[in-house]
C-alpha atoms as a PDB file:
ATOM      1  CA  MET A   1       8.335  38.017 -32.781  1.00  0.00           C
ATOM      2  CA  ARG A   2       5.781  37.218 -35.475  1.00  0.00           C
ATOM      3  CA  ALA A   3       7.591  33.952 -36.244  1.00  0.00           C
ATOM      4  CA  TRP A   4       6.679  32.730 -32.772  1.00  0.00           C
ATOM      5  CA  GLU A   5       2.955  33.479 -33.017  1.00  0.00           C
ATOM      6  CA  PRO A   6       1.926  30.226 -34.774  1.00  0.00           C
ATOM      7  CA  LYS A   7       3.900  28.197 -32.255  1.00  0.00           C
ATOM      8  CA  ARG A   8       2.240  29.984 -29.365  1.00  0.00           C
ATOM      9  CA  ALA A   9      -1.193  29.443 -30.899  1.00  0.00           C
ATOM     10  CA  ILE A  10      -0.440  25.757 -31.389  1.00  0.00           C
ATOM     11  CA  ALA A  11       0.814  25.505 -27.806  1.00  0.00           C
ATOM     12  CA  PHE A  12      -2.348  27.169 -26.514  1.00  0.00           C
ATOM     13  CA  LEU A  13      -4.617  24.839 -28.489  1.00  0.00           C
ATOM     14  CA  ALA A  14      -2.564  21.853 -27.364  1.00  0.00           C
ATOM     15  CA  GLY A  15      -2.905  23.022 -23.755  1.00  0.00           C
ATOM     16  CA  VAL A  16      -6.674  23.264 -24.120  1.00  0.00           C
ATOM     17  CA  GLY A  17      -6.752  19.814 -25.726  1.00  0.00           C
ATOM     18  CA  VAL A  18      -4.709  18.297 -22.886  1.00  0.00           C
ATOM     19  CA  LEU A  19      -7.019  20.011 -20.391  1.00  0.00           C
ATOM     20  CA  ALA A  20     -10.040  18.349 -22.047  1.00  0.00           C
ATOM     21  CA  LEU A  21      -8.223  15.005 -21.861  1.00  0.00           C
ATOM     22  CA  ALA A  22      -7.440  15.639 -18.187  1.00  0.00           C
ATOM     23  CA  LEU A  23     -11.119  16.298 -17.464  1.00  0.00           C
ATOM     24  CA  LEU A  24     -12.100  13.001 -19.121  1.00  0.00           C
ATOM     25  CA  ALA A  25      -9.356  11.212 -17.210  1.00  0.00           C
ATOM     26  CA  SER A  26     -10.684  12.759 -13.999  1.00  0.00           C
ATOM     27  CA  ALA A  27     -14.049  11.088 -14.581  1.00  0.00           C
ATOM     28  CA  PHE A  28     -12.324   7.715 -15.042  1.00  0.00           C
ATOM     29  CA  ALA A  29     -10.196   8.332 -11.945  1.00  0.00           C
ATOM     30  CA  ALA A  30     -13.327   9.151  -9.927  1.00  0.00           C
ATOM     31  CA  LEU A  31     -14.758   5.748 -10.877  1.00  0.00           C
ATOM     32  CA  VAL A  32     -11.550   3.974  -9.821  1.00  0.00           C
ATOM     33  CA  VAL A  33     -11.503   5.873  -6.526  1.00  0.00           C
ATOM     34  CA  ALA A  34     -15.194   5.134  -5.890  1.00  0.00           C
ATOM     35  CA  ILE A  35     -14.488   1.408  -6.195  1.00  0.00           C
ATOM     36  CA  GLY A  36     -11.500   1.642  -3.862  1.00  0.00           C
ATOM     37  CA  ALA A  37     -13.150   3.930  -1.313  1.00  0.00           C
ATOM     38  CA  GLN A  38     -14.897   1.103   0.510  1.00  0.00           C
ATOM     39  CA  ALA A  39     -14.033  -0.307   3.889  1.00  0.00           C
ATOM     40  CA  PRO A  40     -13.779  -4.107   3.877  1.00  0.00           C
ATOM     41  CA  ASP A  41     -17.080  -5.920   4.300  1.00  0.00           C
ATOM     42  CA  ALA A  42     -17.019  -9.698   4.047  1.00  0.00           C
ATOM     43  CA  PHE A  43     -20.816  -9.821   4.162  1.00  0.00           C
ATOM     44  CA  MET A  44     -21.556  -7.507   1.243  1.00  0.00           C
ATOM     45  CA  PRO A  45     -22.532  -9.835  -1.642  1.00  0.00           C
ATOM     46  CA  ASP A  46     -20.295  -9.581  -4.685  1.00  0.00           C
ATOM     47  CA  GLY A  47     -21.623  -9.780  -8.196  1.00  0.00           C
ATOM     48  CA  ASP A  48     -20.435  -8.029 -11.316  1.00  0.00           C
ATOM     49  CA  PRO A  49     -16.681  -7.209 -11.004  1.00  0.00           C
ATOM     50  CA  CYS A  50     -17.507  -3.554 -11.535  1.00  0.00           C
ATOM     51  CA  CYS A  51     -19.093  -3.314  -8.120  1.00  0.00           C
ATOM     52  CA  SER A  52     -17.513  -5.966  -5.938  1.00  0.00           C
ATOM     53  CA  SER A  53     -16.917  -5.088  -2.305  1.00  0.00           C
ATOM     54  CA  PRO A  54     -13.512  -5.764  -0.685  1.00  0.00           C
ATOM     55  CA  ASP A  55     -13.561  -8.433   2.006  1.00  0.00           C
ATOM     56  CA  THR A  56     -10.220  -7.632   3.677  1.00  0.00           C
ATOM     57  CA  TRP A  57      -7.904  -4.684   4.260  1.00  0.00           C
ATOM     58  CA  SER A  58      -5.374  -6.238   1.888  1.00  0.00           C
ATOM     59  CA  GLU A  59      -7.944  -5.888  -0.911  1.00  0.00           C
ATOM     60  CA  VAL A  60      -8.583  -2.302   0.138  1.00  0.00           C
ATOM     61  CA  ILE A  61      -4.866  -1.476   0.050  1.00  0.00           C
ATOM     62  CA  ALA A  62      -4.583  -3.121  -3.377  1.00  0.00           C
ATOM     63  CA  GLY A  63      -7.380  -0.856  -4.611  1.00  0.00           C
ATOM     64  CA  ALA A  64      -5.634   2.194  -3.177  1.00  0.00           C
ATOM     65  CA  ALA A  65      -2.394   1.103  -4.876  1.00  0.00           C
ATOM     66  CA  VAL A  66      -4.224   1.135  -8.221  1.00  0.00           C
ATOM     67  CA  SER A  67      -5.848   4.510  -7.512  1.00  0.00           C
ATOM     68  CA  THR A  68      -2.581   6.280  -6.605  1.00  0.00           C
ATOM     69  CA  PRO A  69      -0.814   6.148 -10.010  1.00  0.00           C
ATOM     70  CA  VAL A  70      -4.114   6.942 -11.727  1.00  0.00           C
ATOM     71  CA  ALA A  71      -4.452  10.111  -9.628  1.00  0.00           C
ATOM     72  CA  ALA A  72      -0.806  11.023 -10.256  1.00  0.00           C
ATOM     73  CA  ALA A  73      -1.265  10.570 -14.018  1.00  0.00           C
ATOM     74  CA  VAL A  74      -4.332  12.813 -14.024  1.00  0.00           C
ATOM     75  CA  GLY A  75      -2.410  15.447 -12.065  1.00  0.00           C
ATOM     76  CA  ALA A  76       0.430  15.210 -14.585  1.00  0.00           C
ATOM     77  CA  LEU A  77      -2.032  15.915 -17.422  1.00  0.00           C
ATOM     78  CA  TYR A  78      -3.176  19.089 -15.665  1.00  0.00           C
ATOM     79  CA  ALA A  79       0.487  20.045 -15.207  1.00  0.00           C
ATOM     80  CA  VAL A  80       1.203  19.606 -18.926  1.00  0.00           C
ATOM     81  CA  SER A  81      -1.879  21.644 -19.799  1.00  0.00           C
ATOM     82  CA  ALA A  82      -0.855  24.440 -17.425  1.00  0.00           C
ATOM     83  CA  GLY A  83       2.670  24.428 -18.830  1.00  0.00           C
ATOM     84  CA  LEU A  84       1.549  24.700 -22.448  1.00  0.00           C
ATOM     85  CA  VAL A  85      -0.940  27.489 -21.725  1.00  0.00           C
ATOM     86  CA  SER A  86       1.637  29.356 -19.642  1.00  0.00           C
ATOM     87  CA  TRP A  87       4.205  29.142 -22.438  1.00  0.00           C
ATOM     88  CA  ALA A  88       1.628  30.272 -25.019  1.00  0.00           C
ATOM     89  CA  LEU A  89       0.539  33.291 -22.969  1.00  0.00           C
ATOM     90  CA  ARG A  90       3.796  34.318 -21.281  1.00  0.00           C
ATOM     91  CA  ARG A  91       6.508  32.556 -23.289  1.00  0.00           C
ATOM     92  CA  THR A  92       7.748  30.977 -20.089  1.00  0.00           C
ATOM     93  CA  TRP A  93       7.520  27.382 -18.952  1.00  0.00           C
ATOM     94  CA  PRO A  94       6.623  27.014 -15.239  1.00  0.00           C
ATOM     95  CA  ARG A  95       9.333  25.766 -12.938  1.00  0.00           C
ATOM     96  CA  PRO A  96       9.459  21.961 -12.517  1.00  0.00           C
ATOM     97  CA  ARG A  97       8.690  22.207  -8.810  1.00  0.00           C
ATOM     98  CA  VAL A  98       5.555  24.213  -9.617  1.00  0.00           C
ATOM     99  CA  LEU A  99       4.383  21.595 -12.122  1.00  0.00           C
ATOM    100  CA  ALA A 100       5.208  18.833  -9.632  1.00  0.00           C
ATOM    101  CA  TRP A 101       2.553  20.249  -7.337  1.00  0.00           C
ATOM    102  CA  PHE A 102      -0.214  19.068  -9.673  1.00  0.00           C
ATOM    103  CA  PRO A 103       0.338  15.293  -9.317  1.00  0.00           C
ATOM    104  CA  ALA A 104       1.347  15.767  -5.663  1.00  0.00           C
ATOM    105  CA  LEU A 105      -1.925  17.541  -4.877  1.00  0.00           C
ATOM    106  CA  ALA A 106      -3.895  14.925  -6.803  1.00  0.00           C
ATOM    107  CA  VAL A 107      -2.348  12.091  -4.771  1.00  0.00           C
ATOM    108  CA  GLY A 108      -2.822  14.056  -1.528  1.00  0.00           C
ATOM    109  CA  LEU A 109      -6.484  14.691  -2.324  1.00  0.00           C
ATOM    110  CA  LEU A 110      -6.911  11.000  -3.165  1.00  0.00           C
ATOM    111  CA  LEU A 111      -5.530   9.931   0.213  1.00  0.00           C
ATOM    112  CA  ILE A 112      -7.824  12.370   2.044  1.00  0.00           C
ATOM    113  CA  VAL A 113     -10.862  11.082   0.148  1.00  0.00           C
ATOM    114  CA  LEU A 114      -9.947   7.433   0.777  1.00  0.00           C
ATOM    115  CA  VAL A 115      -9.339   7.888   4.490  1.00  0.00           C
ATOM    116  CA  ALA A 116     -12.548   9.915   4.902  1.00  0.00           C
ATOM    117  CA  ALA A 117     -14.525   7.247   3.016  1.00  0.00           C
ATOM    118  CA  TRP A 118     -13.045   4.424   5.102  1.00  0.00           C
ATOM    119  CA  ILE A 119     -13.894   6.255   8.330  1.00  0.00           C
ATOM    120  CA  ALA A 120     -17.450   6.910   7.131  1.00  0.00           C
ATOM    121  CA  ASP A 121     -17.715   3.203   6.261  1.00  0.00           C
ATOM    122  CA  GLU A 122     -16.494   2.164   9.724  1.00  0.00           C
ATOM    123  CA  PRO A 123     -19.588   0.160  10.798  1.00  0.00           C
ATOM    124  CA  ARG A 124     -18.659  -2.423   8.171  1.00  0.00           C
ATOM    125  CA  LEU A 125     -15.151  -3.004   9.480  1.00  0.00           C
ATOM    126  CA  ARG A 126     -16.156  -5.818  11.856  1.00  0.00           C
ATOM    127  CA  ALA A 127     -17.797  -7.923   9.171  1.00  0.00           C
ATOM    128  CA  GLU A 128     -16.568 -11.370  10.170  1.00  0.00           C
ATOM    129  CA  CYS A 129     -18.335 -14.466  11.406  1.00  0.00           C
ATOM    130  CA  GLU A 130     -16.609 -14.393  14.799  1.00  0.00           C
ATOM    131  CA  SER A 131     -18.209 -11.049  15.658  1.00  0.00           C
ATOM    132  CA  PHE A 132     -21.423 -11.172  13.616  1.00  0.00           C
ATOM    133  CA  ALA A 133     -24.625 -10.999  15.638  1.00  0.00           C
ATOM    134  CA  PHE A 134     -28.039 -11.332  14.010  1.00  0.00           C
ATOM    135  CA  GLN A 135     -30.238  -8.280  14.578  1.00  0.00           C
ATOM    136  CA  GLN A 136     -33.927  -8.574  13.822  1.00  0.00           C
ATOM    137  CA  ALA A 137     -34.210  -4.808  13.276  1.00  0.00           C
ATOM    138  CA  ALA A 138     -31.601  -4.933  10.495  1.00  0.00           C
ATOM    139  CA  TRP A 139     -33.418  -7.871   8.892  1.00  0.00           C
ATOM    140  CA  ARG A 140     -37.018  -6.729   9.179  1.00  0.00           C
ATOM    141  CA  GLU A 141     -36.826  -2.933   9.268  1.00  0.00           C
ATOM    142  CA  GLY A 142     -33.429  -2.039   7.809  1.00  0.00           C
ATOM    143  CA  SER A 143     -32.524  -0.793   4.354  1.00  0.00           C
ATOM    144  CA  GLU A 144     -32.227  -3.169   1.427  1.00  0.00           C
ATOM    145  CA  ALA A 145     -28.425  -3.111   1.770  1.00  0.00           C
ATOM    146  CA  GLU A 146     -28.676  -4.070   5.469  1.00  0.00           C
ATOM    147  CA  ARG A 147     -31.071  -6.920   4.698  1.00  0.00           C
ATOM    148  CA  MET A 148     -28.845  -8.244   1.917  1.00  0.00           C
ATOM    149  CA  ARG A 149     -25.805  -8.005   4.164  1.00  0.00           C
ATOM    150  CA  THR A 150     -27.628  -9.853   6.941  1.00  0.00           C
ATOM    151  CA  ALA A 151     -28.821 -12.546   4.536  1.00  0.00           C
ATOM    152  CA  ASP A 152     -25.316 -13.070   3.204  1.00  0.00           C
ATOM    153  CA  ALA A 153     -23.934 -13.344   6.742  1.00  0.00           C
ATOM    154  CA  LEU A 154     -26.612 -15.862   7.708  1.00  0.00           C
ATOM    155  CA  ALA A 155     -25.645 -18.038   4.754  1.00  0.00           C
ATOM    156  CA  ARG A 156     -21.859 -17.701   5.134  1.00  0.00           C
ATOM    157  CA  CYS A 157     -21.619 -18.113   8.902  1.00  0.00           C
ATOM    158  CA  GLY A 158     -24.104 -20.926   9.431  1.00  0.00           C
ATOM    159  CA  VAL A 159     -26.003 -18.856  11.985  1.00  0.00           C
ATOM    160  CA  VAL A 160     -29.229 -20.840  11.590  1.00  0.00           C
ATOM    161  CA  GLU A 161     -27.696 -24.279  11.062  1.00  0.00           C
ATOM    162  CA  GLY A 162     -29.095 -26.823  13.488  1.00  0.00           C
ATOM    163  CA  ARG A 163     -32.022 -24.621  14.469  1.00  0.00           C
ATOM    164  CA  SER A 164     -35.582 -25.827  14.199  1.00  0.00           C
ATOM    165  CA  ARG A 165     -38.081 -24.613  11.632  1.00  0.00           C
ATOM    166  CA  GLU A 166     -39.904 -22.765  14.421  1.00  0.00           C
ATOM    167  CA  ASP A 167     -36.707 -20.957  15.479  1.00  0.00           C
ATOM    168  CA  VAL A 168     -36.122 -19.783  11.913  1.00  0.00           C
ATOM    169  CA  ARG A 169     -39.656 -18.438  11.669  1.00  0.00           C
ATOM    170  CA  ARG A 170     -39.179 -16.585  14.938  1.00  0.00           C
ATOM    171  CA  LEU A 171     -35.956 -15.008  13.672  1.00  0.00           C
ATOM    172  CA  LEU A 172     -36.861 -14.259  10.058  1.00  0.00           C
ATOM    173  CA  GLY A 173     -40.636 -14.243   9.946  1.00  0.00           C
ATOM    174  CA  GLU A 174     -42.829 -16.084   7.468  1.00  0.00           C
ATOM    175  CA  PRO A 175     -41.034 -17.277   4.303  1.00  0.00           C
ATOM    176  CA  THR A 176     -42.126 -16.175   0.863  1.00  0.00           C
ATOM    177  CA  LEU A 177     -41.989 -19.710  -0.529  1.00  0.00           C
ATOM    178  CA  GLU A 178     -41.854 -23.212   0.935  1.00  0.00           C
ATOM    179  CA  GLY A 179     -41.515 -26.581  -0.722  1.00  0.00           C
ATOM    180  CA  GLU A 180     -39.628 -29.836  -1.108  1.00  0.00           C
ATOM    181  CA  ALA A 181     -35.916 -29.712  -1.919  1.00  0.00           C
ATOM    182  CA  ARG A 182     -34.960 -32.633  -4.159  1.00  0.00           C
ATOM    183  CA  GLY A 183     -32.166 -33.616  -6.504  1.00  0.00           C
ATOM    184  CA  SER A 184     -29.299 -33.928  -4.024  1.00  0.00           C
ATOM    185  CA  ASP A 185     -28.016 -36.164  -1.255  1.00  0.00           C
ATOM    186  CA  ARG A 186     -29.671 -33.832   1.207  1.00  0.00           C
ATOM    187  CA  ASP A 187     -33.291 -34.096   0.140  1.00  0.00           C
ATOM    188  CA  GLY A 188     -35.665 -32.352   2.491  1.00  0.00           C
ATOM    189  CA  THR A 189     -37.621 -29.112   2.517  1.00  0.00           C
ATOM    190  CA  TYR A 190     -36.786 -25.448   2.079  1.00  0.00           C
ATOM    191  CA  MET A 191     -38.000 -22.027   3.155  1.00  0.00           C
ATOM    192  CA  SER A 192     -37.190 -19.089   0.888  1.00  0.00           C
ATOM    193  CA  TYR A 193     -37.150 -15.385   1.815  1.00  0.00           C
ATOM    194  CA  GLU A 194     -37.306 -13.196  -1.265  1.00  0.00           C
ATOM    195  CA  PHE A 195     -36.025  -9.662  -1.674  1.00  0.00           C
ATOM    196  CA  PRO A 196     -38.491  -7.850  -3.956  1.00  0.00           C
ATOM    197  CA  ARG A 197     -37.485  -6.753  -7.417  1.00  0.00           C
ATOM    198  CA  ARG A 198     -36.467  -3.117  -7.288  1.00  0.00           C
ATOM    199  CA  ASN A 199     -37.326  -1.155 -10.408  1.00  0.00           C
ATOM    200  CA  SER A 200     -36.575  -2.946 -13.650  1.00  0.00           C
ATOM    201  CA  ASP A 201     -36.393  -6.300 -15.392  1.00  0.00           C
ATOM    202  CA  SER A 202     -32.616  -6.281 -15.787  1.00  0.00           C
ATOM    203  CA  GLU A 203     -30.545  -9.080 -14.248  1.00  0.00           C
ATOM    204  CA  GLU A 204     -28.847  -6.618 -11.895  1.00  0.00           C
ATOM    205  CA  ASP A 205     -32.236  -5.728 -10.413  1.00  0.00           C
ATOM    206  CA  ALA A 206     -33.510  -9.296 -10.245  1.00  0.00           C
ATOM    207  CA  ALA A 207     -34.961 -10.632  -7.027  1.00  0.00           C
ATOM    208  CA  HIS A 208     -32.573 -12.172  -4.491  1.00  0.00           C
ATOM    209  CA  ASP A 209     -33.356 -15.147  -2.283  1.00  0.00           C
ATOM    210  CA  LEU A 210     -32.209 -16.379   1.105  1.00  0.00           C
ATOM    211  CA  THR A 211     -33.076 -20.078   1.097  1.00  0.00           C
ATOM    212  CA  ILE A 212     -33.031 -22.198   4.246  1.00  0.00           C
ATOM    213  CA  PHE A 213     -32.728 -25.961   3.628  1.00  0.00           C
ATOM    214  CA  LEU A 214     -34.019 -28.358   6.249  1.00  0.00           C
ATOM    215  CA  ILE A 215     -33.661 -32.087   6.833  1.00  0.00           C
ATOM    216  CA  GLY A 216     -36.478 -33.183   9.033  1.00  0.00           C
ATOM    217  CA  ARG A 217     -37.287 -30.157  11.141  1.00  0.00           C
ATOM    218  CA  ARG A 218     -33.685 -28.943  11.522  1.00  0.00           C
ATOM    219  CA  VAL A 219     -31.751 -26.511   9.313  1.00  0.00           C
ATOM    220  CA  ASP A 220     -29.062 -28.227   7.264  1.00  0.00           C
ATOM    221  CA  HIS A 221     -27.642 -25.143   5.501  1.00  0.00           C
ATOM    222  CA  ALA A 222     -28.574 -21.800   3.986  1.00  0.00           C
ATOM    223  CA  GLU A 223     -27.818 -20.227   0.608  1.00  0.00           C
ATOM    224  CA  PHE A 224     -28.049 -16.614  -0.558  1.00  0.00           C
ATOM    225  CA  SER A 225     -28.208 -15.665  -4.238  1.00  0.00           C
ATOM    226  CA  ALA A 226     -27.397 -12.175  -5.457  1.00  0.00           C
ATOM    227  CA  TYR A 227     -26.600 -11.021  -8.984  1.00  0.00           C
ATOM    228  CA  CYS A 228     -25.026  -7.756  -8.068  1.00  0.00           C
ATOM    229  CA  CYS A 229     -23.753  -5.932  -4.992  1.00  0.00           C
END
């Protein structure tokens, strides 16, 4: 019996080590799931690849496809840890079907989290130009995310194209900056609406601008710049 003691001690330490690895892997898996747990929103500006927002359900499903094996692998690590500790303490290895529950539960929990997140994100599901309707409340009184989303939709969908300068002011209010737009085939004027800098000087927190370009007194096109989502 004594001859087995070192092996059992090694197995116990190995089980604890695998458990620590599983906990670290869980943190990585949570990040992967957080990226994938977004309903599609074509109007959420994309920036750094770490925080891009999916535009279509196919992108969402692709994210879920990446998350599933990650969750299963993390569950398998917990299974290995449980098996080693069980053998060290009881000299018995758990049955395969018992160990299989670990990755199965991890994948099941992942699916529940994803579906719940998609349902909670439901207001974004109709983010397409055909159904977009400008709402002054979202632009003037909404959260920063709502204002950025509205600005991106205005630029992508051509909502203000062809409107007069006066119409734009009625919709968006007074611009932050105005001036002459030169250096292209469409020289004219511009009106810029700036989103204030949030809380630091980093590029990710830099100010964003919705710029309306006019030829004569009519809107030619709009552009929205954003460094990060």
